[in-house]
C-alpha atoms as a PDB file:
ATOM      1  CA  MET A   1     -93.016-103.739 135.587  1.00  0.00           C
ATOM      2  CA  ARG A   2     -94.707-102.244 138.480  1.00  0.00           C
ATOM      3  CA  PHE A   3     -91.856-102.272 140.427  1.00  0.00           C
ATOM      4  CA  PHE A   4     -89.565-101.133 138.086  1.00  0.00           C
ATOM      5  CA  SER A   5     -91.764 -97.900 137.422  1.00  0.00           C
ATOM      6  CA  LEU A   6     -91.581 -97.052 140.960  1.00  0.00           C
ATOM      7  CA  LEU A   7     -88.093 -97.450 141.117  1.00  0.00           C
ATOM      8  CA  LEU A   8     -87.898 -94.705 138.355  1.00  0.00           C
ATOM      9  CA  LEU A   9     -90.036 -92.189 140.368  1.00  0.00           C
ATOM     10  CA  THR A  10     -87.771 -92.800 143.267  1.00  0.00           C
ATOM     11  CA  LEU A  11     -85.015 -91.910 141.040  1.00  0.00           C
ATOM     12  CA  LEU A  12     -86.433 -88.838 139.791  1.00  0.00           C
ATOM     13  CA  LEU A  13     -87.283 -87.689 143.062  1.00  0.00           C
ATOM     14  CA  ALA A  14     -83.767 -88.437 144.408  1.00  0.00           C
ATOM     15  CA  SER A  15     -82.229 -86.602 141.487  1.00  0.00           C
ATOM     16  CA  CYS A  16     -83.610 -83.124 142.211  1.00  0.00           C
ATOM     17  CA  GLY A  17     -81.033 -82.305 144.924  1.00  0.00           C
ATOM     18  CA  GLY A  18     -82.982 -81.244 147.917  1.00  0.00           C
ATOM     19  CA  HIS A  19     -86.099 -79.372 145.934  1.00  0.00           C
ATOM     20  CA  ARG A  20     -89.325 -80.033 146.868  1.00  0.00           C
ATOM     21  CA  SER A  21     -90.881 -82.719 144.241  1.00  0.00           C
ATOM     22  CA  ARG A  22     -93.254 -84.755 143.344  1.00  0.00           C
ATOM     23  CA  VAL A  23     -94.199 -87.192 140.238  1.00  0.00           C
ATOM     24  CA  ILE A  24     -97.965 -86.609 139.433  1.00  0.00           C
ATOM     25  CA  GLU A  25     -99.905 -89.843 138.722  1.00  0.00           C
ATOM     26  CA  THR A  26    -103.252 -90.244 136.982  1.00  0.00           C
ATOM     27  CA  ALA A  27    -105.339 -92.913 135.549  1.00  0.00           C
ATOM     28  CA  GLU A  28    -104.429 -91.486 132.185  1.00  0.00           C
ATOM     29  CA  ASN A  29    -100.713 -92.109 132.763  1.00  0.00           C
ATOM     30  CA  ARG A  30    -100.065 -95.213 134.624  1.00  0.00           C
ATOM     31  CA  GLU A  31     -98.592 -97.091 131.822  1.00  0.00           C
ATOM     32  CA  LEU A  32     -95.868 -94.285 131.009  1.00  0.00           C
ATOM     33  CA  LYS A  33     -92.825 -94.976 132.395  1.00  0.00           C
ATOM     34  CA  GLY A  34     -91.809 -93.168 135.663  1.00  0.00           C
ATOM     35  CA  TRP A  35     -89.729 -90.340 133.824  1.00  0.00           C
ATOM     36  CA  GLN A  36     -92.272 -89.750 131.115  1.00  0.00           C
ATOM     37  CA  LYS A  37     -94.750 -88.672 133.846  1.00  0.00           C
ATOM     38  CA  PRO A  38     -95.533 -85.165 134.708  1.00  0.00           C
ATOM     39  CA  TYR A  39     -93.766 -84.017 137.888  1.00  0.00           C
ATOM     40  CA  GLU A  40     -93.402 -81.234 140.331  1.00  0.00           C
ATOM     41  CA  VAL A  41     -90.524 -79.549 141.575  1.00  0.00           C
ATOM     42  CA  ASP A  42     -91.295 -76.498 144.270  1.00  0.00           C
ATOM     43  CA  GLY A  43     -94.344 -76.191 143.325  1.00  0.00           C
ATOM     44  CA  GLN A  44     -93.622 -76.075 139.451  1.00  0.00           C
ATOM     45  CA  ARG A  45     -94.888 -78.127 136.862  1.00  0.00           C
ATOM     46  CA  TYR A  46     -93.051 -79.904 133.985  1.00  0.00           C
ATOM     47  CA  GLN A  47     -94.588 -82.104 131.273  1.00  0.00           C
ATOM     48  CA  PRO A  48     -91.786 -84.081 129.712  1.00  0.00           C
ATOM     49  CA  LEU A  49     -92.212 -84.434 126.099  1.00  0.00           C
ATOM     50  CA  ARG A  50     -92.671 -87.960 124.438  1.00  0.00           C
ATOM     51  CA  ASN A  51     -90.791 -87.176 121.463  1.00  0.00           C
ATOM     52  CA  HIS A  52     -87.742 -85.511 120.795  1.00  0.00           C
ATOM     53  CA  GLN A  53     -88.384 -84.358 117.127  1.00  0.00           C
ATOM     54  CA  GLY A  54     -88.187 -80.728 116.108  1.00  0.00           C
ATOM     55  CA  PHE A  55     -86.759 -79.733 119.460  1.00  0.00           C
ATOM     56  CA  SER A  56     -84.417 -76.648 119.538  1.00  0.00           C
ATOM     57  CA  GLN A  57     -83.847 -74.256 122.447  1.00  0.00           C
ATOM     58  CA  ARG A  58     -82.058 -70.986 123.298  1.00  0.00           C
ATOM     59  CA  GLY A  59     -81.082 -69.822 127.030  1.00  0.00           C
ATOM     60  CA  VAL A  60     -78.561 -70.068 129.850  1.00  0.00           C
ATOM     61  CA  ALA A  61     -76.656 -73.140 130.569  1.00  0.00           C
ATOM     62  CA  SER A  62     -75.139 -74.229 133.537  1.00  0.00           C
ATOM     63  CA  TRP A  63     -73.156 -77.314 135.075  1.00  0.00           C
ATOM     64  CA  TYR A  64     -72.988 -79.728 137.842  1.00  0.00           C
ATOM     65  CA  GLY A  65     -69.938 -81.353 139.255  1.00  0.00           C
ATOM     66  CA  LYS A  66     -68.068 -82.721 142.503  1.00  0.00           C
ATOM     67  CA  LYS A  67     -71.581 -82.167 144.731  1.00  0.00           C
ATOM     68  CA  PHE A  68     -73.421 -84.637 142.303  1.00  0.00           C
ATOM     69  CA  HIS A  69     -70.429 -86.943 141.483  1.00  0.00           C
ATOM     70  CA  GLY A  70     -71.572 -90.521 142.473  1.00  0.00           C
ATOM     71  CA  ARG A  71     -75.262 -89.847 143.066  1.00  0.00           C
ATOM     72  CA  LEU A  72     -78.141 -91.534 141.018  1.00  0.00           C
ATOM     73  CA  THR A  73     -79.454 -89.821 138.042  1.00  0.00           C
ATOM     74  CA  SER A  74     -83.113 -89.908 137.098  1.00  0.00           C
ATOM     75  CA  ASN A  75     -82.720 -92.573 134.649  1.00  0.00           C
ATOM     76  CA  GLY A  76     -80.891 -94.736 137.178  1.00  0.00           C
ATOM     77  CA  GLU A  77     -77.196 -93.934 136.121  1.00  0.00           C
ATOM     78  CA  ILE A  78     -74.564 -92.981 138.644  1.00  0.00           C
ATOM     79  CA  TYR A  79     -73.437 -89.579 137.237  1.00  0.00           C
ATOM     80  CA  ASN A  80     -70.251 -89.009 136.464  1.00  0.00           C
ATOM     81  CA  MET A  81     -69.143 -85.585 136.068  1.00  0.00           C
ATOM     82  CA  TYR A  82     -66.286 -86.721 133.395  1.00  0.00           C
ATOM     83  CA  ALA A  83     -68.879 -88.315 130.964  1.00  0.00           C
ATOM     84  CA  MET A  84     -70.142 -86.283 128.074  1.00  0.00           C
ATOM     85  CA  THR A  85     -74.070 -85.938 130.078  1.00  0.00           C
ATOM     86  CA  ALA A  86     -76.606 -83.540 131.112  1.00  0.00           C
ATOM     87  CA  ALA A  87     -79.854 -82.812 132.587  1.00  0.00           C
ATOM     88  CA  HIS A  88     -82.798 -81.119 130.866  1.00  0.00           C
ATOM     89  CA  LYS A  89     -86.433 -80.890 132.491  1.00  0.00           C
ATOM     90  CA  THR A  90     -88.450 -81.870 129.540  1.00  0.00           C
ATOM     91  CA  LEU A  91     -86.613 -83.867 127.114  1.00  0.00           C
ATOM     92  CA  PRO A  92     -86.907 -87.490 126.875  1.00  0.00           C
ATOM     93  CA  LEU A  93     -83.769 -89.547 128.919  1.00  0.00           C
ATOM     94  CA  GLY A  94     -81.515 -90.910 126.495  1.00  0.00           C
ATOM     95  CA  VAL A  95     -81.786 -88.387 123.792  1.00  0.00           C
ATOM     96  CA  GLU A  96     -78.263 -87.033 122.308  1.00  0.00           C
ATOM     97  CA  VAL A  97     -78.209 -83.267 122.050  1.00  0.00           C
ATOM     98  CA  LYS A  98     -75.780 -80.611 120.316  1.00  0.00           C
ATOM     99  CA  VAL A  99     -75.156 -77.875 122.700  1.00  0.00           C
ATOM    100  CA  THR A 100     -73.345 -74.812 121.041  1.00  0.00           C
ATOM    101  CA  ASN A 101     -71.792 -71.974 123.219  1.00  0.00           C
ATOM    102  CA  GLN A 102     -73.377 -68.850 121.474  1.00  0.00           C
ATOM    103  CA  ARG A 103     -70.289 -67.000 122.654  1.00  0.00           C
ATOM    104  CA  ASN A 104     -67.698 -68.939 121.315  1.00  0.00           C
ATOM    105  CA  GLY A 105     -69.192 -71.011 118.825  1.00  0.00           C
ATOM    106  CA  LYS A 106     -67.823 -74.335 120.230  1.00  0.00           C
ATOM    107  CA  SER A 107     -70.024 -77.343 120.359  1.00  0.00           C
ATOM    108  CA  VAL A 108     -70.621 -80.664 122.030  1.00  0.00           C
ATOM    109  CA  LEU A 109     -72.737 -83.589 122.270  1.00  0.00           C
ATOM    110  CA  VAL A 110     -74.357 -84.667 125.288  1.00  0.00           C
ATOM    111  CA  ARG A 111     -76.913 -87.294 126.287  1.00  0.00           C
ATOM    112  CA  ILE A 112     -79.786 -86.609 128.429  1.00  0.00           C
ATOM    113  CA  ASN A 113     -79.822 -88.671 131.795  1.00  0.00           C
ATOM    114  CA  ASP A 114     -81.154 -86.411 134.453  1.00  0.00           C
ATOM    115  CA  ARG A 115     -83.619 -83.956 135.380  1.00  0.00           C
ATOM    116  CA  GLY A 116     -83.040 -80.418 135.540  1.00  0.00           C
ATOM    117  CA  PRO A 117     -81.860 -77.533 136.145  1.00  0.00           C
ATOM    118  CA  PHE A 118     -84.476 -76.464 138.296  1.00  0.00           C
ATOM    119  CA  VAL A 119     -82.965 -72.683 138.703  1.00  0.00           C
ATOM    120  CA  ALA A 120     -84.768 -69.949 137.013  1.00  0.00           C
ATOM    121  CA  GLY A 121     -83.907 -68.825 133.317  1.00  0.00           C
ATOM    122  CA  ARG A 122     -81.670 -71.706 132.935  1.00  0.00           C
ATOM    123  CA  ILE A 123     -82.510 -74.745 130.293  1.00  0.00           C
ATOM    124  CA  ILE A 124     -79.869 -77.339 130.753  1.00  0.00           C
ATOM    125  CA  ASP A 125     -77.103 -78.806 133.305  1.00  0.00           C
ATOM    126  CA  LEU A 126     -74.390 -79.790 131.718  1.00  0.00           C
ATOM    127  CA  SER A 127     -71.654 -82.207 133.270  1.00  0.00           C
ATOM    128  CA  TYR A 128     -68.331 -80.682 134.115  1.00  0.00           C
ATOM    129  CA  ALA A 129     -66.516 -82.288 131.101  1.00  0.00           C
ATOM    130  CA  ALA A 130     -68.951 -80.840 129.067  1.00  0.00           C
ATOM    131  CA  ALA A 131     -69.026 -77.595 130.370  1.00  0.00           C
ATOM    132  CA  GLN A 132     -64.969 -77.535 130.175  1.00  0.00           C
ATOM    133  CA  LYS A 133     -65.047 -78.517 126.635  1.00  0.00           C
ATOM    134  CA  LEU A 134     -67.678 -75.375 125.836  1.00  0.00           C
ATOM    135  CA  ASP A 135     -65.191 -73.284 128.104  1.00  0.00           C
ATOM    136  CA  ILE A 136     -67.730 -72.197 130.762  1.00  0.00           C
ATOM    137  CA  VAL A 137     -66.714 -73.415 133.733  1.00  0.00           C
ATOM    138  CA  ALA A 138     -65.031 -70.609 134.896  1.00  0.00           C
ATOM    139  CA  GLN A 139     -67.866 -68.639 134.318  1.00  0.00           C
ATOM    140  CA  GLY A 140     -70.464 -70.787 135.526  1.00  0.00           C
ATOM    141  CA  THR A 141     -73.415 -69.977 132.892  1.00  0.00           C
ATOM    142  CA  ALA A 142     -73.158 -69.187 129.239  1.00  0.00           C
ATOM    143  CA  PRO A 143     -75.911 -68.488 126.532  1.00  0.00           C
ATOM    144  CA  VAL A 144     -76.376 -71.789 124.449  1.00  0.00           C
ATOM    145  CA  ARG A 145     -78.646 -73.222 121.770  1.00  0.00           C
ATOM    146  CA  ILE A 146     -79.434 -77.118 122.277  1.00  0.00           C
ATOM    147  CA  VAL A 147     -80.916 -79.114 119.325  1.00  0.00           C
ATOM    148  CA  ALA A 148     -82.145 -82.511 119.777  1.00  0.00           C
ATOM    149  CA  LEU A 149     -80.365 -85.360 117.517  1.00  0.00           C
ATOM    150  CA  GLY A 150     -82.133 -88.604 118.695  1.00  0.00           C
ATOM    151  CA  TYR A 151     -81.111 -91.654 120.071  1.00  0.00           C
ATOM    152  CA  PRO A 152     -77.326 -92.759 119.103  1.00  0.00           C
ATOM    153  CA  HIS A 153     -76.365 -96.006 116.705  1.00  0.00           C
ATOM    154  CA  ARG A 154     -73.250 -96.719 116.534  1.00  0.00           C
ATOM    155  CA  GLU A 155     -71.726 -97.331 112.860  1.00  0.00           C
ATOM    156  CA  GLY A 156     -68.010 -97.865 112.926  1.00  0.00           C
ATOM    157  CA  GLU A 157     -66.284 -95.223 114.773  1.00  0.00           C
ATOM    158  CA  LYS A 158     -69.476 -92.688 114.751  1.00  0.00           C
ATOM    159  CA  ASN A 159     -72.963 -92.163 115.953  1.00  0.00           C
ATOM    160  CA  THR A 160     -75.661 -91.838 113.483  1.00  0.00           C
ATOM    161  CA  TYR A 161     -78.913 -90.677 113.825  1.00  0.00           C
ATOM    162  CA  SER A 162     -82.548 -90.425 112.717  1.00  0.00           C
ATOM    163  CA  ALA A 163     -82.907 -86.538 112.801  1.00  0.00           C
ATOM    164  CA  PRO A 164     -85.857 -84.921 111.823  1.00  0.00           C
ATOM    165  CA  LEU A 165     -86.037 -82.702 108.759  1.00  0.00           C
ATOM    166  CA  ASN A 166     -86.632 -79.301 110.335  1.00  0.00           C
ATOM    167  CA  TYR A 167     -84.965 -78.876 113.825  1.00  0.00           C
ATOM    168  CA  ASP A 168     -87.085 -75.690 114.306  1.00  0.00           C
ATOM    169  CA  ALA A 169     -90.347 -77.175 113.886  1.00  0.00           C
ATOM    170  CA  GLY A 170     -92.690 -78.443 116.515  1.00  0.00           C
ATOM    171  CA  SER A 171     -96.259 -78.307 117.939  1.00  0.00           C
ATOM    172  CA  TYR A 172     -97.012 -77.221 121.480  1.00  0.00           C
ATOM    173  CA  ALA A 173     -99.877 -75.778 123.275  1.00  0.00           C
ATOM    174  CA  VAL A 174    -100.295 -73.844 126.841  1.00  0.00           C
ATOM    175  CA  GLN A 175    -102.909 -75.986 128.991  1.00  0.00           C
ATOM    176  CA  VAL A 176    -104.956 -73.404 131.292  1.00  0.00           C
ATOM    177  CA  GLY A 177    -107.032 -75.700 133.012  1.00  0.00           C
ATOM    178  CA  ALA A 178    -109.127 -78.950 133.165  1.00  0.00           C
ATOM    179  CA  PHE A 179    -113.043 -79.337 134.196  1.00  0.00           C
ATOM    180  CA  SER A 180    -115.300 -81.890 134.873  1.00  0.00           C
ATOM    181  CA  GLN A 181    -118.144 -79.901 133.499  1.00  0.00           C
ATOM    182  CA  ALA A 182    -118.381 -79.020 129.814  1.00  0.00           C
ATOM    183  CA  GLU A 183    -119.864 -75.903 129.675  1.00  0.00           C
ATOM    184  CA  ASN A 184    -117.172 -74.483 132.291  1.00  0.00           C
ATOM    185  CA  ALA A 185    -114.175 -75.341 129.694  1.00  0.00           C
ATOM    186  CA  LYS A 186    -116.153 -74.043 126.880  1.00  0.00           C
ATOM    187  CA  ARG A 187    -116.960 -70.550 128.750  1.00  0.00           C
ATOM    188  CA  LEU A 188    -113.035 -70.386 129.533  1.00  0.00           C
ATOM    189  CA  ALA A 189    -112.235 -71.474 125.912  1.00  0.00           C
ATOM    190  CA  GLY A 190    -114.053 -68.590 124.878  1.00  0.00           C
ATOM    191  CA  ARG A 191    -112.532 -66.073 127.077  1.00  0.00           C
ATOM    192  CA  LEU A 192    -109.229 -66.923 125.892  1.00  0.00           C
ATOM    193  CA  ARG A 193    -110.111 -67.234 122.408  1.00  0.00           C
ATOM    194  CA  SER A 194    -110.941 -63.475 122.209  1.00  0.00           C
ATOM    195  CA  ARG A 195    -107.542 -62.898 123.741  1.00  0.00           C
ATOM    196  CA  TYR A 196    -104.897 -65.268 122.239  1.00  0.00           C
ATOM    197  CA  GLY A 197    -106.615 -66.166 119.055  1.00  0.00           C
ATOM    198  CA  ARG A 198    -106.875 -69.774 119.397  1.00  0.00           C
ATOM    199  CA  SER A 199    -108.037 -72.090 122.059  1.00  0.00           C
ATOM    200  CA  GLY A 200    -110.026 -75.220 122.278  1.00  0.00           C
ATOM    201  CA  VAL A 201    -111.411 -77.851 124.502  1.00  0.00           C
ATOM    202  CA  SER A 202    -109.868 -81.349 124.533  1.00  0.00           C
ATOM    203  CA  PHE A 203    -112.135 -84.420 126.016  1.00  0.00           C
ATOM    204  CA  THR A 204    -110.820 -87.402 127.680  1.00  0.00           C
ATOM    205  CA  ASP A 205    -112.889 -90.378 129.169  1.00  0.00           C
ATOM    206  CA  THR A 206    -110.662 -92.054 131.974  1.00  0.00           C
ATOM    207  CA  ASP A 207    -112.416 -94.857 134.278  1.00  0.00           C
ATOM    208  CA  GLY A 208    -115.791 -93.602 133.433  1.00  0.00           C
ATOM    209  CA  ARG A 209    -114.586 -89.786 134.436  1.00  0.00           C
ATOM    210  CA  SER A 210    -114.997 -87.179 131.851  1.00  0.00           C
ATOM    211  CA  LEU A 211    -112.200 -84.466 131.828  1.00  0.00           C
ATOM    212  CA  TYR A 212    -112.396 -81.228 129.641  1.00  0.00           C
ATOM    213  CA  ARG A 213    -108.797 -79.736 129.257  1.00  0.00           C
ATOM    214  CA  VAL A 214    -108.729 -76.169 128.075  1.00  0.00           C
ATOM    215  CA  ARG A 215    -105.396 -75.521 125.744  1.00  0.00           C
ATOM    216  CA  VAL A 216    -104.424 -72.287 124.186  1.00  0.00           C
ATOM    217  CA  GLY A 217    -102.436 -71.863 121.045  1.00  0.00           C
ATOM    218  CA  GLY A 218    -100.805 -73.855 118.373  1.00  0.00           C
ATOM    219  CA  TYR A 219     -96.969 -72.647 118.905  1.00  0.00           C
ATOM    220  CA  PRO A 220     -94.453 -73.832 116.417  1.00  0.00           C
ATOM    221  CA  SER A 221     -91.615 -73.888 119.338  1.00  0.00           C
ATOM    222  CA  LEU A 222     -91.027 -74.761 122.714  1.00  0.00           C
ATOM    223  CA  ARG A 223     -89.598 -71.128 123.204  1.00  0.00           C
ATOM    224  CA  ALA A 224     -92.953 -69.525 121.608  1.00  0.00           C
ATOM    225  CA  ALA A 225     -94.980 -71.955 123.742  1.00  0.00           C
ATOM    226  CA  GLU A 226     -92.890 -71.222 127.097  1.00  0.00           C
ATOM    227  CA  SER A 227     -93.127 -67.389 126.483  1.00  0.00           C
ATOM    228  CA  ALA A 228     -96.941 -67.734 126.048  1.00  0.00           C
ATOM    229  CA  LYS A 229     -97.259 -69.814 129.155  1.00  0.00           C
ATOM    230  CA  ASP A 230     -95.199 -67.091 131.227  1.00  0.00           C
ATOM    231  CA  GLN A 231     -97.748 -64.466 130.053  1.00  0.00           C
ATOM    232  CA  LEU A 232    -100.869 -66.701 130.788  1.00  0.00           C
ATOM    233  CA  ARG A 233     -99.652 -67.164 134.712  1.00  0.00           C
ATOM    234  CA  LYS A 234     -99.083 -63.677 134.933  1.00  0.00           C
ATOM    235  CA  ASN A 235    -102.746 -62.883 133.665  1.00  0.00           C
ATOM    236  CA  GLY A 236    -104.482 -65.015 136.492  1.00  0.00           C
ATOM    237  CA  PHE A 237    -103.534 -68.835 135.558  1.00  0.00           C
ATOM    238  CA  PRO A 238    -100.718 -69.876 137.654  1.00  0.00           C
ATOM    239  CA  GLY A 239    -101.157 -73.602 136.761  1.00  0.00           C
ATOM    240  CA  ALA A 240    -100.421 -73.115 133.201  1.00  0.00           C
ATOM    241  CA  PHE A 241     -97.931 -75.609 131.709  1.00  0.00           C
ATOM    242  CA  VAL A 242     -96.595 -76.410 128.381  1.00  0.00           C
ATOM    243  CA  ILE A 243     -97.741 -79.718 126.126  1.00  0.00           C
ATOM    244  CA  ALA A 244     -96.410 -81.018 123.169  1.00  0.00           C
ATOM    245  CA  TYR A 245     -99.359 -82.202 120.942  1.00  0.00           C
ATOM    246  CA  ASP A 246     -97.973 -85.574 120.158  1.00  0.00           C
ATOM    247  CA  SER A 247     -98.463 -86.156 123.774  1.00  0.00           C
ATOM    248  CA  LYS A 248    -102.152 -87.289 125.116  1.00  0.00           C
END
């Protein structure tokens, strides 16, 4: 099992296409699969979601083709530019999502099997085949909405999913810092609470080491949490990152 986890870590790093990257391993996440662990690319931290339910997102889609055709993806598959797949920075690998081109209303279903895109302002990297069906190959990018459907199950000629009741629901926060001393964490949480309205301290005890994590907000969507994260980084917290409340 340990060898398999190391293999997944290697694949994740290999899939980043030349970016400086590393997987963040701690005593807290040692039992997680490689692709479930937080990671950094070019100094930017990403926290993979443990659950796809309630996930929807709007932003810019791009696509990748011949340069990566035949290379390993983050889940160990060989990238096939003619298959209906995509890369996302935080969604669980294996989840199928619906991608809708906001310009023309066209939609496709793609399976997330890779990490990326690591370009500012882009939320998903589509395979060539998916981009072609959405008519964005020529332009290179397009505004899209993505909705997580779940892990597909074949029933006859079609896939079925255990879909959430409300795709727009969610529960996210922004982690601002972590301290070994409770008073330091409480002091920061108090400062943030007066400015952002909601802030708290989460305690964990890992291998006898106490850690107090300061988190801001209770945001109903990933988009709202990402916006808050950007604001916090501009206001002096460059290490802030989004977490889902279903994660530990």
